[in-house]
Amino acid sequence: MLVRRRRRRRRPVWIPLAAALAPLWALTAGCGDGGPELIAVTGVVTIDGAPAKEGGVTFHSVGNPNVQLAASIGPDGKYSIIYHRELGAPAGKYAVAVLVTETKQLPDGSYTGLPKTISNPKFLDPATSSLKVEVRKDAPPDAYNLAVTR
């Protein structure tokens, strides 16, 4: 007696491949050159005339409340604004909020405890901060320097 073996149906190769690549496609959706032109925005934050050592800067667009750009302050007081993971900002007017902090440092160079805010609280809110900037291509080199007080 002849026994026929039932042939097993193979799953198409593209199904597991598509399932594996789906997260990558989702991450790249919307990426491209469709965004606004970015202008380099780098400056120095000073507190009472000395470079700030740590903290953050936030630019709030005057024309579009949904646009907020951020940067961290380096140990030399320098910051560079980032927009959608790219350095720079779209041209326009911005109200600026600045937070300068200080973290206690041990003799070995490590930090202990939480950062303490040392800048005046009025600079934390763009509505009460007197800091305003206009991002433009022909801005002078020091146009984005920010001075705050304690």
C-alpha atoms as a PDB file:
ATOM      1  CA  MET A   1       0.000   0.000   0.000  1.00  0.00           C
ATOM      2  CA  LEU A   2       1.281   3.352  -1.020  1.00  0.00           C
ATOM      3  CA  VAL A   3       1.161   5.990   1.706  1.00  0.00           C
ATOM      4  CA  ARG A   4       1.196   9.528   0.627  1.00  0.00           C
ATOM      5  CA  ARG A   5       2.962  11.910   2.879  1.00  0.00           C
ATOM      6  CA  ARG A   6       1.151  15.075   3.451  1.00  0.00           C
ATOM      7  CA  ARG A   7       3.278  17.944   2.369  1.00  0.00           C
ATOM      8  CA  ARG A   8       3.739  20.559   5.018  1.00  0.00           C
ATOM      9  CA  ARG A   9       2.938  24.077   3.955  1.00  0.00           C
ATOM     10  CA  ARG A  10       5.827  26.437   4.418  1.00  0.00           C
ATOM     11  CA  ARG A  11       5.188  29.872   5.793  1.00  0.00           C
ATOM     12  CA  PRO A  12       6.314  32.608   3.440  1.00  0.00           C
ATOM     13  CA  VAL A  13       9.715  34.014   4.345  1.00  0.00           C
ATOM     14  CA  TRP A  14       8.524  37.606   4.122  1.00  0.00           C
ATOM     15  CA  ILE A  15       6.156  37.345   7.136  1.00  0.00           C
ATOM     16  CA  PRO A  16       8.825  36.976   9.855  1.00  0.00           C
ATOM     17  CA  LEU A  17      11.059  39.416   7.974  1.00  0.00           C
ATOM     18  CA  ALA A  18       8.294  42.036   7.894  1.00  0.00           C
ATOM     19  CA  ALA A  19       7.574  41.460  11.591  1.00  0.00           C
ATOM     20  CA  ALA A  20      11.265  41.944  12.423  1.00  0.00           C
ATOM     21  CA  LEU A  21      11.582  45.135  10.357  1.00  0.00           C
ATOM     22  CA  ALA A  22       8.283  46.749  11.458  1.00  0.00           C
ATOM     23  CA  PRO A  23       9.814  48.570  14.468  1.00  0.00           C
ATOM     24  CA  LEU A  24      12.560  50.002  12.237  1.00  0.00           C
ATOM     25  CA  TRP A  25      10.014  51.257   9.714  1.00  0.00           C
ATOM     26  CA  ALA A  26       7.997  52.837  12.528  1.00  0.00           C
ATOM     27  CA  LEU A  27      11.084  54.666  13.840  1.00  0.00           C
ATOM     28  CA  THR A  28      11.970  56.116  10.450  1.00  0.00           C
ATOM     29  CA  ALA A  29       8.432  57.201   9.549  1.00  0.00           C
ATOM     30  CA  GLY A  30       8.307  60.954   9.193  1.00  0.00           C
ATOM     31  CA  CYS A  31      12.078  61.350   9.002  1.00  0.00           C
ATOM     32  CA  GLY A  32      13.566  63.291   6.173  1.00  0.00           C
ATOM     33  CA  ASP A  33      14.409  66.755   4.970  1.00  0.00           C
ATOM     34  CA  GLY A  34      10.903  68.134   5.445  1.00  0.00           C
ATOM     35  CA  GLY A  35      11.676  70.144   8.600  1.00  0.00           C
ATOM     36  CA  PRO A  36      12.653  73.785   8.902  1.00  0.00           C
ATOM     37  CA  GLU A  37      16.180  74.993   8.229  1.00  0.00           C
ATOM     38  CA  LEU A  38      18.175  74.951  11.464  1.00  0.00           C
ATOM     39  CA  ILE A  39      20.503  77.729  12.585  1.00  0.00           C
ATOM     40  CA  ALA A  40      23.322  76.977  15.029  1.00  0.00           C
ATOM     41  CA  VAL A  41      22.479  78.356  18.488  1.00  0.00           C
ATOM     42  CA  THR A  42      25.363  78.217  20.952  1.00  0.00           C
ATOM     43  CA  GLY A  43      26.048  80.520  23.852  1.00  0.00           C
ATOM     44  CA  VAL A  44      27.380  80.862  27.378  1.00  0.00           C
ATOM     45  CA  VAL A  45      25.234  81.097  30.504  1.00  0.00           C
ATOM     46  CA  THR A  46      26.652  83.260  33.274  1.00  0.00           C
ATOM     47  CA  ILE A  47      25.363  83.648  36.814  1.00  0.00           C
ATOM     48  CA  ASP A  48      26.400  86.857  38.545  1.00  0.00           C
ATOM     49  CA  GLY A  49      29.111  87.311  35.909  1.00  0.00           C
ATOM     50  CA  ALA A  50      30.735  83.855  36.235  1.00  0.00           C
ATOM     51  CA  PRO A  51      30.109  80.914  33.870  1.00  0.00           C
ATOM     52  CA  ALA A  52      27.405  78.560  35.144  1.00  0.00           C
ATOM     53  CA  LYS A  53      28.691  75.040  35.823  1.00  0.00           C
ATOM     54  CA  GLU A  54      25.490  73.001  35.298  1.00  0.00           C
ATOM     55  CA  GLY A  55      21.801  73.348  34.520  1.00  0.00           C
ATOM     56  CA  GLY A  56      19.593  73.762  31.489  1.00  0.00           C
ATOM     57  CA  VAL A  57      18.229  76.234  28.970  1.00  0.00           C
ATOM     58  CA  THR A  58      14.823  76.100  27.263  1.00  0.00           C
ATOM     59  CA  PHE A  59      13.759  78.220  24.295  1.00  0.00           C
ATOM     60  CA  HIS A  60       9.974  78.720  24.024  1.00  0.00           C
ATOM     61  CA  SER A  61       8.783  79.894  20.601  1.00  0.00           C
ATOM     62  CA  VAL A  62       6.850  83.169  20.799  1.00  0.00           C
ATOM     63  CA  GLY A  63       4.819  82.336  17.678  1.00  0.00           C
ATOM     64  CA  ASN A  64       4.144  78.647  18.364  1.00  0.00           C
ATOM     65  CA  PRO A  65       3.610  77.467  21.962  1.00  0.00           C
ATOM     66  CA  ASN A  66       4.153  73.850  20.847  1.00  0.00           C
ATOM     67  CA  VAL A  67       7.810  74.501  19.982  1.00  0.00           C
ATOM     68  CA  GLN A  68      10.217  74.197  22.904  1.00  0.00           C
ATOM     69  CA  LEU A  69      13.926  73.664  22.398  1.00  0.00           C
ATOM     70  CA  ALA A  70      16.341  72.540  25.095  1.00  0.00           C
ATOM     71  CA  ALA A  71      20.022  72.373  25.961  1.00  0.00           C
ATOM     72  CA  SER A  72      22.106  71.384  28.938  1.00  0.00           C
ATOM     73  CA  ILE A  73      24.718  73.708  30.371  1.00  0.00           C
ATOM     74  CA  GLY A  74      28.252  72.302  30.328  1.00  0.00           C
ATOM     75  CA  PRO A  75      30.900  72.816  33.025  1.00  0.00           C
ATOM     76  CA  ASP A  76      32.272  75.797  31.088  1.00  0.00           C
ATOM     77  CA  GLY A  77      28.840  77.473  30.889  1.00  0.00           C
ATOM     78  CA  LYS A  78      28.361  76.645  27.200  1.00  0.00           C
ATOM     79  CA  TYR A  79      25.122  75.313  25.746  1.00  0.00           C
ATOM     80  CA  SER A  80      23.937  74.310  22.260  1.00  0.00           C
ATOM     81  CA  ILE A  81      20.235  74.133  21.417  1.00  0.00           C
ATOM     82  CA  ILE A  82      18.888  70.869  20.004  1.00  0.00           C
ATOM     83  CA  TYR A  83      15.793  70.533  17.804  1.00  0.00           C
ATOM     84  CA  HIS A  84      14.518  67.042  16.976  1.00  0.00           C
ATOM     85  CA  ARG A  85      17.892  65.503  17.907  1.00  0.00           C
ATOM     86  CA  GLU A  86      19.791  67.887  15.641  1.00  0.00           C
ATOM     87  CA  LEU A  87      21.919  70.842  16.666  1.00  0.00           C
ATOM     88  CA  GLY A  88      20.295  74.162  15.869  1.00  0.00           C
ATOM     89  CA  ALA A  89      16.950  75.938  16.005  1.00  0.00           C
ATOM     90  CA  PRO A  90      14.453  77.241  13.462  1.00  0.00           C
ATOM     91  CA  ALA A  91      14.599  80.990  12.882  1.00  0.00           C
ATOM     92  CA  GLY A  92      12.250  83.008  15.056  1.00  0.00           C
ATOM     93  CA  LYS A  93      11.713  84.765  18.368  1.00  0.00           C
ATOM     94  CA  TYR A  94      11.972  82.861  21.641  1.00  0.00           C
ATOM     95  CA  ALA A  95      11.338  83.506  25.326  1.00  0.00           C
ATOM     96  CA  VAL A  96      14.085  81.799  27.336  1.00  0.00           C
ATOM     97  CA  ALA A  97      13.959  79.915  30.632  1.00  0.00           C
ATOM     98  CA  VAL A  98      17.222  79.127  32.451  1.00  0.00           C
ATOM     99  CA  LEU A  99      17.867  76.809  35.370  1.00  0.00           C
ATOM    100  CA  VAL A 100      21.322  76.968  36.947  1.00  0.00           C
ATOM    101  CA  THR A 101      22.042  74.240  39.485  1.00  0.00           C
ATOM    102  CA  GLU A 102      24.844  73.214  41.782  1.00  0.00           C
ATOM    103  CA  THR A 103      25.592  69.697  42.968  1.00  0.00           C
ATOM    104  CA  LYS A 104      27.828  69.026  45.949  1.00  0.00           C
ATOM    105  CA  GLN A 105      31.069  67.419  44.825  1.00  0.00           C
ATOM    106  CA  LEU A 106      33.212  65.119  46.946  1.00  0.00           C
ATOM    107  CA  PRO A 107      37.054  65.384  47.058  1.00  0.00           C
ATOM    108  CA  ASP A 108      37.315  62.357  44.727  1.00  0.00           C
ATOM    109  CA  GLY A 109      35.320  64.221  42.056  1.00  0.00           C
ATOM    110  CA  SER A 110      32.090  62.278  42.442  1.00  0.00           C
ATOM    111  CA  TYR A 111      28.804  63.997  43.166  1.00  0.00           C
ATOM    112  CA  THR A 112      26.574  63.481  46.173  1.00  0.00           C
ATOM    113  CA  GLY A 113      22.956  64.451  46.703  1.00  0.00           C
ATOM    114  CA  LEU A 114      20.535  66.176  44.384  1.00  0.00           C
ATOM    115  CA  PRO A 115      21.268  69.356  42.436  1.00  0.00           C
ATOM    116  CA  LYS A 116      20.250  72.604  44.147  1.00  0.00           C
ATOM    117  CA  THR A 117      18.791  75.483  42.130  1.00  0.00           C
ATOM    118  CA  ILE A 118      20.983  78.564  42.520  1.00  0.00           C
ATOM    119  CA  SER A 119      19.514  80.863  39.862  1.00  0.00           C
ATOM    120  CA  ASN A 120      16.741  83.317  40.630  1.00  0.00           C
ATOM    121  CA  PRO A 121      13.351  81.526  40.268  1.00  0.00           C
ATOM    122  CA  LYS A 122      12.084  84.235  37.898  1.00  0.00           C
ATOM    123  CA  PHE A 123      14.345  82.771  35.196  1.00  0.00           C
ATOM    124  CA  LEU A 124      12.613  79.345  35.420  1.00  0.00           C
ATOM    125  CA  ASP A 125       9.441  80.543  33.704  1.00  0.00           C
ATOM    126  CA  PRO A 126       9.599  82.096  30.222  1.00  0.00           C
ATOM    127  CA  ALA A 127       6.662  84.336  31.171  1.00  0.00           C
ATOM    128  CA  THR A 128       8.592  85.949  34.056  1.00  0.00           C
ATOM    129  CA  SER A 129      12.083  85.682  32.603  1.00  0.00           C
ATOM    130  CA  SER A 130      13.388  88.839  30.968  1.00  0.00           C
ATOM    131  CA  LEU A 131      15.495  86.738  28.577  1.00  0.00           C
ATOM    132  CA  LYS A 132      14.430  86.926  24.916  1.00  0.00           C
ATOM    133  CA  VAL A 133      16.372  85.942  21.797  1.00  0.00           C
ATOM    134  CA  GLU A 134      15.817  86.041  18.078  1.00  0.00           C
ATOM    135  CA  VAL A 135      17.373  83.167  16.162  1.00  0.00           C
ATOM    136  CA  ARG A 136      18.577  84.345  12.770  1.00  0.00           C
ATOM    137  CA  LYS A 137      21.360  83.545  10.328  1.00  0.00           C
ATOM    138  CA  ASP A 138      23.174  86.877  10.664  1.00  0.00           C
ATOM    139  CA  ALA A 139      23.235  86.953  14.490  1.00  0.00           C
ATOM    140  CA  PRO A 140      26.472  88.207  16.080  1.00  0.00           C
ATOM    141  CA  PRO A 141      28.675  85.633  17.868  1.00  0.00           C
ATOM    142  CA  ASP A 142      27.509  86.594  21.367  1.00  0.00           C
ATOM    143  CA  ALA A 143      23.792  86.913  20.495  1.00  0.00           C
ATOM    144  CA  TYR A 144      22.853  83.799  22.443  1.00  0.00           C
ATOM    145  CA  ASN A 145      24.848  84.467  25.637  1.00  0.00           C
ATOM    146  CA  LEU A 146      22.528  84.510  28.665  1.00  0.00           C
ATOM    147  CA  ALA A 147      23.135  86.297  31.964  1.00  0.00           C
ATOM    148  CA  VAL A 148      21.147  85.365  35.097  1.00  0.00           C
ATOM    149  CA  THR A 149      21.407  86.262  38.778  1.00  0.00           C
ATOM    150  CA  ARG A 150      21.007  84.386  42.050  1.00  0.00           C
END
